[in-house]
Amino acid sequence: MLERVAVLSDIHGVLPALEAVLAEPDVATADLIVLTGDLAAGPQPVEVLDLLATLGDRARWVRGNADRELVEARAGRISPIEVSNWAAAQLRDDQVARLAALPLTVTLPVAGLGDVLFCHATPQDDEEVVLVDSRLDRWAEVFTGLPTEVGTVVCGHTHMPFTRLVDRRLVVNPGSVGMPYGGAGAWWALLGPGVQLRRTRYDIEAACARVAAESTFPDAIAWADEYLRSRHSDTDALMAFGPRDGR
């Protein structure tokens, strides 16, 4: 049984944000760090994956849609997202192989929460959309076949932190480390014995300057300005993503 689990999602290749979260005492002392996908599709993909690799057995990795798309782009299937194609070309072969081998879900016992299933989007798909205000029958669809003993589901994908109950099952989204919607900073969650949604504040101006200086992505300056400064609010994101949950 794990006493404390730190959940980091949607890092999207932003090294300063990842470094800030990993420096948090509650992350450094957690029994385990679970990475719920979309790790490297951003301006510093190689550096982020190298840092995550140093965590060794202290981290469990889950596949996100952007991780899968990096592998596909490397194999010749071009992504409509410019930074993903660029990032795929930067990765070493061993990094591509690691992303290709990631599981869709991981289930772990956490103190106070029982069996917790970690996924990127939903337990059955890495890019389905469910939101804090998705209708209950939509949640029932994406939880079809989920074992009854799984009392908590942790997902990412939509970059907005929330917790809610869905027919007695707790759902947690830690938000995004590298591309937050709704407020600047690196968002993550701490599990056990309850759930804490956390935001790590760091020097955004310095981080933007660092990304601009260290990344060779042609649009690194504009990318950092848009996402590290969280130009998109949670309202913007909900309006954009809402139609994708079938409402």
Protein backbone atom coordinates (compact mmCIF):
# COMPACT_ATOMS: atom_id res chain seq x y z
CA MET A 1 0.00 0.00 0.00
CA LEU A 2 1.41 3.36 -1.05
CA GLU A 3 1.08 6.12 1.54
CA ARG A 4 1.71 9.12 -0.70
CA VAL A 5 1.64 9.33 -4.51
CA ALA A 6 2.46 12.47 -6.50
CA VAL A 7 0.73 12.69 -9.88
CA LEU A 8 2.27 14.74 -12.69
CA SER A 9 0.43 15.02 -15.98
CA ASP A 10 0.81 16.83 -19.29
CA ILE A 11 4.37 18.07 -18.79
CA HIS A 12 4.60 18.70 -22.53
CA GLY A 13 8.35 19.10 -22.71
CA VAL A 14 8.65 22.08 -20.33
CA LEU A 15 11.80 21.51 -18.31
CA PRO A 16 11.61 24.50 -15.89
CA ALA A 17 8.06 23.53 -14.85
CA LEU A 18 9.06 19.91 -14.29
CA GLU A 19 12.11 20.89 -12.27
CA ALA A 20 9.97 23.15 -10.07
CA VAL A 21 7.52 20.34 -9.27
CA LEU A 22 10.21 17.74 -8.63
CA ALA A 23 11.78 20.16 -6.12
CA GLU A 24 8.58 20.21 -4.05
CA PRO A 25 9.20 18.43 -0.72
CA ASP A 26 5.98 16.40 -1.03
CA VAL A 27 7.06 15.19 -4.46
CA ALA A 28 10.63 14.46 -3.40
CA THR A 29 9.43 12.37 -0.44
CA ALA A 30 6.45 10.66 -2.12
CA ASP A 31 6.48 6.86 -2.20
CA LEU A 32 5.86 7.01 -5.94
CA ILE A 33 5.47 9.52 -8.75
CA VAL A 34 2.93 8.61 -11.42
CA LEU A 35 3.24 10.33 -14.79
CA THR A 36 -0.12 10.33 -16.55
CA GLY A 37 1.00 11.03 -20.08
CA ASP A 38 1.83 13.72 -22.62
CA LEU A 39 5.34 14.00 -21.31
CA ALA A 40 7.53 15.26 -24.12
CA ALA A 41 5.49 16.96 -26.86
CA GLY A 42 6.83 20.45 -26.32
CA PRO A 43 9.94 22.62 -26.65
CA GLN A 44 12.37 20.57 -24.48
CA PRO A 45 11.47 16.93 -25.14
CA VAL A 46 14.86 15.26 -24.81
CA GLU A 47 15.72 17.11 -21.61
CA VAL A 48 12.38 16.32 -19.97
CA LEU A 49 12.56 12.61 -20.76
CA ASP A 50 16.17 12.46 -19.54
CA LEU A 51 15.18 14.06 -16.23
CA LEU A 52 12.20 11.75 -15.80
CA ALA A 53 14.44 8.75 -16.50
CA THR A 54 16.59 9.68 -13.50
CA LEU A 55 13.61 8.94 -11.24
CA GLY A 56 14.07 5.24 -11.95
CA ASP A 57 11.76 2.98 -9.97
CA ARG A 58 10.31 5.98 -8.11
CA ALA A 59 8.18 6.75 -11.17
CA ARG A 60 5.50 4.88 -13.10
CA TRP A 61 4.76 6.09 -16.61
CA VAL A 62 1.40 6.01 -18.43
CA ARG A 63 0.91 6.68 -22.14
CA GLY A 64 -0.77 9.83 -23.35
CA ASN A 65 -2.06 10.56 -26.83
CA ALA A 66 0.82 12.96 -27.48
CA ASP A 67 3.34 10.28 -26.48
CA ARG A 68 1.75 7.90 -28.97
CA GLU A 69 1.70 10.62 -31.61
CA LEU A 70 5.44 11.26 -31.16
CA VAL A 71 6.10 7.59 -31.85
CA GLU A 72 3.81 7.72 -34.89
CA ALA A 73 5.44 10.90 -36.20
CA ARG A 74 8.85 9.30 -35.87
CA ALA A 75 7.52 6.42 -38.00
CA GLY A 76 6.37 8.83 -40.71
CA ARG A 77 2.78 9.62 -39.73
CA ILE A 78 2.86 13.40 -39.66
CA SER A 79 1.03 15.13 -36.81
CA PRO A 80 -1.14 18.21 -37.39
CA ILE A 81 0.62 19.75 -34.38
CA GLU A 82 3.88 21.40 -35.41
CA VAL A 83 5.67 21.03 -32.09
CA SER A 84 4.94 17.29 -32.04
CA ASN A 85 6.64 16.72 -35.41
CA TRP A 86 9.61 18.78 -34.30
CA ALA A 87 9.84 17.02 -30.92
CA ALA A 88 9.61 13.57 -32.52
CA ALA A 89 12.64 14.38 -34.65
CA GLN A 90 14.66 15.41 -31.60
CA LEU A 91 14.17 12.24 -29.57
CA ARG A 92 16.79 9.51 -29.38
CA ASP A 93 15.83 6.02 -30.46
CA ASP A 94 15.85 4.77 -26.86
CA GLN A 95 13.40 7.52 -25.87
CA VAL A 96 11.06 6.68 -28.73
CA ALA A 97 11.20 3.02 -27.73
CA ARG A 98 10.32 3.88 -24.14
CA LEU A 99 7.32 5.94 -25.18
CA ALA A 100 6.17 3.17 -27.52
CA ALA A 101 6.17 0.66 -24.64
CA LEU A 102 4.10 2.72 -22.19
CA PRO A 103 0.87 1.18 -20.84
CA LEU A 104 -2.57 2.74 -21.29
CA THR A 105 -3.35 2.39 -17.57
CA VAL A 106 -1.71 1.54 -14.26
CA THR A 107 -3.64 0.47 -11.14
CA LEU A 108 -2.05 0.90 -7.71
CA PRO A 109 -3.24 0.66 -4.09
CA VAL A 110 -3.10 4.03 -2.30
CA ALA A 111 -3.75 4.56 1.39
CA GLY A 112 -7.21 5.98 2.04
CA LEU A 113 -8.27 5.56 -1.59
CA GLY A 114 -7.95 1.83 -2.24
CA ASP A 115 -7.30 0.71 -5.81
CA VAL A 116 -6.57 3.76 -7.97
CA LEU A 117 -6.53 3.54 -11.75
CA PHE A 118 -4.25 6.03 -13.49
CA CYS A 119 -4.80 6.87 -17.16
CA HIS A 120 -4.28 9.80 -19.50
CA ALA A 121 -7.72 10.52 -20.94
CA THR A 122 -10.02 7.62 -19.99
CA PRO A 123 -9.37 4.01 -18.94
CA GLN A 124 -10.20 2.79 -22.45
CA ASP A 125 -8.71 5.45 -24.74
CA ASP A 126 -5.82 7.93 -24.63
CA GLU A 127 -7.63 10.87 -26.25
CA GLU A 128 -11.32 10.70 -25.29
CA VAL A 129 -12.59 13.83 -23.58
CA VAL A 130 -14.40 13.94 -20.27
CA LEU A 131 -14.71 17.14 -18.27
CA VAL A 132 -15.71 18.21 -14.80
CA ASP A 133 -19.21 18.96 -16.10
CA SER A 134 -19.62 15.96 -18.43
CA ARG A 135 -23.00 14.27 -18.07
CA LEU A 136 -23.22 11.15 -15.92
CA ASP A 137 -24.10 8.82 -18.78
CA ARG A 138 -20.92 9.96 -20.58
CA TRP A 139 -18.88 9.01 -17.52
CA ALA A 140 -20.69 5.66 -17.44
CA GLU A 141 -19.65 5.10 -21.06
CA VAL A 142 -15.95 5.71 -20.44
CA PHE A 143 -16.00 3.61 -17.25
CA THR A 144 -17.61 0.60 -18.96
CA GLY A 145 -15.87 -2.58 -17.83
CA LEU A 146 -13.93 -0.91 -15.02
CA PRO A 147 -13.54 -3.30 -12.06
CA THR A 148 -15.85 -2.40 -9.17
CA GLU A 149 -12.92 -2.40 -6.75
CA VAL A 150 -11.44 0.64 -8.53
CA GLY A 151 -12.83 3.44 -6.40
CA THR A 152 -10.70 6.28 -7.79
CA VAL A 153 -9.71 7.17 -11.35
CA VAL A 154 -6.95 9.69 -12.04
CA CYS A 155 -6.80 11.18 -15.53
CA GLY A 156 -5.16 14.10 -17.30
CA HIS A 157 -5.45 15.20 -20.95
CA THR A 158 -7.64 18.31 -20.58
CA HIS A 159 -5.10 20.37 -18.56
CA MET A 160 -7.66 21.54 -15.98
CA PRO A 161 -7.55 20.33 -12.35
CA PHE A 162 -10.69 19.00 -10.70
CA THR A 163 -12.10 16.37 -8.37
CA ARG A 164 -15.66 15.06 -8.53
CA LEU A 165 -17.73 12.05 -7.62
CA VAL A 166 -19.23 9.95 -10.39
CA ASP A 167 -21.72 7.43 -9.02
CA ARG A 168 -19.62 6.77 -5.88
CA ARG A 169 -16.33 6.72 -7.78
CA LEU A 170 -13.89 9.59 -7.24
CA VAL A 171 -12.38 11.18 -10.35
CA VAL A 172 -9.24 13.32 -10.11
CA ASN A 173 -7.55 15.43 -12.76
CA PRO A 174 -4.27 16.95 -11.51
CA GLY A 175 -4.14 19.60 -14.24
CA SER A 176 -1.06 20.23 -16.36
CA VAL A 177 2.55 20.77 -15.34
CA GLY A 178 3.62 22.43 -18.59
CA MET A 179 0.50 23.68 -20.41
CA PRO A 180 -2.03 24.79 -17.77
CA TYR A 181 -5.44 26.16 -18.70
CA GLY A 182 -6.84 28.51 -16.09
CA GLY A 183 -3.75 29.88 -14.36
CA ALA A 184 0.03 29.99 -14.66
CA GLY A 185 2.14 27.60 -12.65
CA ALA A 186 2.72 23.86 -12.64
CA TRP A 187 -0.35 21.92 -11.49
CA TRP A 188 -0.17 18.44 -9.97
CA ALA A 189 -1.87 16.29 -7.31
CA LEU A 190 -0.91 14.49 -4.11
CA LEU A 191 -2.82 11.33 -3.23
CA GLY A 192 -3.06 9.59 0.13
CA PRO A 193 -4.95 9.43 2.39
CA GLY A 194 -7.09 12.00 0.56
CA VAL A 195 -6.61 14.12 -2.55
CA GLN A 196 -4.83 17.46 -2.69
CA LEU A 197 -4.72 19.52 -5.87
CA ARG A 198 -1.50 21.53 -5.87
CA ARG A 199 -0.01 24.37 -7.88
CA THR A 200 3.74 25.03 -7.88
CA ARG A 201 4.49 28.64 -8.65
CA TYR A 202 7.79 29.36 -10.36
CA ASP A 203 9.40 32.27 -12.21
CA ILE A 204 7.45 32.29 -15.46
CA GLU A 205 9.49 35.11 -17.02
CA ALA A 206 12.74 33.27 -16.36
CA ALA A 207 11.24 30.02 -17.64
CA CYS A 208 10.08 31.63 -20.89
CA ALA A 209 13.52 33.13 -21.39
CA ARG A 210 15.13 29.78 -20.71
CA VAL A 211 12.90 27.91 -23.15
CA ALA A 212 13.64 30.56 -25.78
CA ALA A 213 17.39 30.25 -25.18
CA GLU A 214 17.66 26.46 -24.85
CA SER A 215 15.09 25.10 -27.31
CA THR A 216 15.73 24.91 -31.04
CA PHE A 217 12.00 24.73 -31.80
CA PRO A 218 11.46 27.58 -34.30
CA ASP A 219 8.39 28.92 -32.47
CA ALA A 220 9.73 28.39 -28.97
CA ILE A 221 9.24 32.01 -27.91
CA ALA A 222 5.59 32.15 -28.98
CA TRP A 223 4.90 28.65 -27.62
CA ALA A 224 6.28 29.55 -24.19
CA ASP A 225 4.39 32.84 -24.13
CA GLU A 226 1.11 31.12 -24.93
CA TYR A 227 1.35 28.12 -22.62
CA LEU A 228 3.69 28.94 -19.75
CA ARG A 229 1.81 32.19 -19.21
CA SER A 230 -1.48 30.26 -19.44
CA ARG A 231 -3.08 32.55 -22.00
CA HIS A 232 -6.08 30.16 -22.21
CA SER A 233 -8.52 30.17 -19.30
CA ASP A 234 -10.41 27.16 -18.03
CA THR A 235 -13.55 28.74 -19.52
CA ASP A 236 -11.86 28.91 -22.92
CA ALA A 237 -10.82 25.27 -22.63
CA LEU A 238 -14.22 24.03 -21.50
CA MET A 239 -15.89 25.78 -24.41
CA ALA A 240 -13.36 24.31 -26.86
CA PHE A 241 -13.40 20.77 -25.46
CA GLY A 242 -17.07 20.58 -24.53
CA PRO A 243 -18.35 19.37 -27.92
CA ARG A 244 -15.86 16.50 -27.81
CA ASP A 245 -17.53 14.86 -24.81
CA GLY A 246 -20.74 14.33 -26.78
CA ARG A 247 -22.87 16.88 -24.94
